[in-house]
Amino acid sequence: MAIRLKLDRVLLERRMSLTELADRVGVTIANLSILKTGKARAIRFSTLDALCRELNCQPGDLVVFEPGPGDMPDDGEDDSVYGGA
């Protein structure tokens, strides 16, 4: 997947533990761990909102697009918004 979260880096920069963040945002440590390790397949906007609020950051500070082989359309058309499968 080309989208990943940089939660580990932001936590390190803020000198905050996963446990402290979990307490602040009301998300379980297990679910934050899934986000931190890159195993998440989705994130709710309400969770992203809470993370940004507590980490004092913008969504772009947490979410990054890193395309790899097969992640970019090869036909010149962007199907990601309207016609994608």
C-alpha atoms as a PDB file:
ATOM      1  CA  MET A   1       0.000   0.000   0.000  1.00  0.00           C
ATOM      2  CA  ALA A   2       1.360   3.396  -0.970  1.00  0.00           C
ATOM      3  CA  ILE A   3      -0.242   5.277   1.934  1.00  0.00           C
ATOM      4  CA  ARG A   4       1.422   4.953   5.319  1.00  0.00           C
ATOM      5  CA  LEU A   5       1.326   6.677   8.683  1.00  0.00           C
ATOM      6  CA  LYS A   6       4.378   8.242  10.279  1.00  0.00           C
ATOM      7  CA  LEU A   7       2.986   7.938  13.797  1.00  0.00           C
ATOM      8  CA  ASP A   8       6.208   6.458  15.160  1.00  0.00           C
ATOM      9  CA  ARG A   9       8.267   9.453  13.977  1.00  0.00           C
ATOM     10  CA  VAL A  10       5.790  12.014  15.296  1.00  0.00           C
ATOM     11  CA  LEU A  11       5.602  10.269  18.682  1.00  0.00           C
ATOM     12  CA  LEU A  12       9.398  10.272  18.890  1.00  0.00           C
ATOM     13  CA  GLU A  13       9.552  13.983  18.011  1.00  0.00           C
ATOM     14  CA  ARG A  14       6.927  14.758  20.677  1.00  0.00           C
ATOM     15  CA  ARG A  15       8.608  12.458  23.219  1.00  0.00           C
ATOM     16  CA  MET A  16       5.263  10.824  23.846  1.00  0.00           C
ATOM     17  CA  SER A  17       4.586   7.158  24.523  1.00  0.00           C
ATOM     18  CA  LEU A  18       1.955   5.130  22.758  1.00  0.00           C
ATOM     19  CA  THR A  19       0.280   4.598  26.130  1.00  0.00           C
ATOM     20  CA  GLU A  20       0.050   8.332  26.792  1.00  0.00           C
ATOM     21  CA  LEU A  21      -1.353   8.980  23.313  1.00  0.00           C
ATOM     22  CA  ALA A  22      -3.898   6.175  23.731  1.00  0.00           C
ATOM     23  CA  ASP A  23      -5.118   7.751  26.972  1.00  0.00           C
ATOM     24  CA  ARG A  24      -5.393  11.178  25.366  1.00  0.00           C
ATOM     25  CA  VAL A  25      -7.273  10.147  22.211  1.00  0.00           C
ATOM     26  CA  GLY A  26      -9.406   7.345  23.618  1.00  0.00           C
ATOM     27  CA  VAL A  27      -8.091   4.691  21.247  1.00  0.00           C
ATOM     28  CA  THR A  28      -6.742   1.376  22.484  1.00  0.00           C
ATOM     29  CA  ILE A  29      -3.008   0.790  22.566  1.00  0.00           C
ATOM     30  CA  ALA A  30      -3.562  -2.220  20.304  1.00  0.00           C
ATOM     31  CA  ASN A  31      -5.250  -0.093  17.626  1.00  0.00           C
ATOM     32  CA  LEU A  32      -2.592   2.625  17.859  1.00  0.00           C
ATOM     33  CA  SER A  33       0.072  -0.059  17.570  1.00  0.00           C
ATOM     34  CA  ILE A  34      -1.528  -1.240  14.316  1.00  0.00           C
ATOM     35  CA  LEU A  35      -1.370   2.338  13.026  1.00  0.00           C
ATOM     36  CA  LYS A  36       2.207   2.772  14.236  1.00  0.00           C
ATOM     37  CA  THR A  37       3.510  -0.422  12.652  1.00  0.00           C
ATOM     38  CA  GLY A  38       1.886   0.245   9.290  1.00  0.00           C
ATOM     39  CA  LYS A  39      -0.484  -2.717   9.442  1.00  0.00           C
ATOM     40  CA  ALA A  40      -3.638  -0.580   9.308  1.00  0.00           C
ATOM     41  CA  ARG A  41      -5.732  -0.727   6.147  1.00  0.00           C
ATOM     42  CA  ALA A  42      -7.852   2.309   7.057  1.00  0.00           C
ATOM     43  CA  ILE A  43      -8.195   5.127   9.563  1.00  0.00           C
ATOM     44  CA  ARG A  44     -11.323   7.005  10.586  1.00  0.00           C
ATOM     45  CA  PHE A  45     -11.329  10.760  10.162  1.00  0.00           C
ATOM     46  CA  SER A  46     -12.379  11.086  13.802  1.00  0.00           C
ATOM     47  CA  THR A  47      -9.256   9.150  14.840  1.00  0.00           C
ATOM     48  CA  LEU A  48      -7.051  11.229  12.554  1.00  0.00           C
ATOM     49  CA  ASP A  49      -8.652  14.363  13.989  1.00  0.00           C
ATOM     50  CA  ALA A  50      -7.954  13.227  17.579  1.00  0.00           C
ATOM     51  CA  LEU A  51      -4.359  12.294  16.727  1.00  0.00           C
ATOM     52  CA  CYS A  52      -3.720  15.673  15.109  1.00  0.00           C
ATOM     53  CA  ARG A  53      -5.301  17.481  18.056  1.00  0.00           C
ATOM     54  CA  GLU A  54      -3.229  15.662  20.673  1.00  0.00           C
ATOM     55  CA  LEU A  55       0.009  15.654  18.687  1.00  0.00           C
ATOM     56  CA  ASN A  56      -0.467  19.282  17.610  1.00  0.00           C
ATOM     57  CA  CYS A  57       0.125  18.471  13.955  1.00  0.00           C
ATOM     58  CA  GLN A  58      -1.509  18.473  10.553  1.00  0.00           C
ATOM     59  CA  PRO A  59      -2.803  15.315   8.808  1.00  0.00           C
ATOM     60  CA  GLY A  60       0.071  15.636   6.328  1.00  0.00           C
ATOM     61  CA  ASP A  61       2.503  15.283   9.218  1.00  0.00           C
ATOM     62  CA  LEU A  62       1.070  11.811   9.894  1.00  0.00           C
ATOM     63  CA  VAL A  63       0.056  10.520   6.457  1.00  0.00           C
ATOM     64  CA  VAL A  64       2.443  10.072   3.540  1.00  0.00           C
ATOM     65  CA  PHE A  65       2.051   8.703   0.012  1.00  0.00           C
ATOM     66  CA  GLU A  66       5.028   6.594  -1.052  1.00  0.00           C
ATOM     67  CA  PRO A  67       4.250   4.877  -4.344  1.00  0.00           C
ATOM     68  CA  GLY A  68       5.971   1.656  -5.159  1.00  0.00           C
ATOM     69  CA  PRO A  69       5.865  -0.684  -8.129  1.00  0.00           C
ATOM     70  CA  GLY A  70       2.275  -1.229  -9.210  1.00  0.00           C
ATOM     71  CA  ASP A  71       0.914   1.697  -7.178  1.00  0.00           C
ATOM     72  CA  MET A  72       0.696   4.167 -10.049  1.00  0.00           C
ATOM     73  CA  PRO A  73      -1.810   3.840 -12.917  1.00  0.00           C
ATOM     74  CA  ASP A  74       0.030   2.893 -16.096  1.00  0.00           C
ATOM     75  CA  ASP A  75      -2.609   3.978 -18.594  1.00  0.00           C
ATOM     76  CA  GLY A  76      -2.268   7.696 -17.990  1.00  0.00           C
ATOM     77  CA  GLU A  77      -5.694   7.922 -16.362  1.00  0.00           C
ATOM     78  CA  ASP A  78      -6.319   8.519 -12.669  1.00  0.00           C
ATOM     79  CA  ASP A  79      -9.039   6.064 -11.633  1.00  0.00           C
ATOM     80  CA  SER A  80      -8.614   6.745  -7.940  1.00  0.00           C
ATOM     81  CA  VAL A  81     -11.572   9.105  -7.570  1.00  0.00           C
ATOM     82  CA  TYR A  82     -14.334   8.314 -10.013  1.00  0.00           C
ATOM     83  CA  GLY A  83     -13.878   5.135 -11.985  1.00  0.00           C
ATOM     84  CA  GLY A  84     -11.598   2.931  -9.951  1.00  0.00           C
ATOM     85  CA  ALA A  85     -12.394  -0.626  -9.069  1.00  0.00           C
END
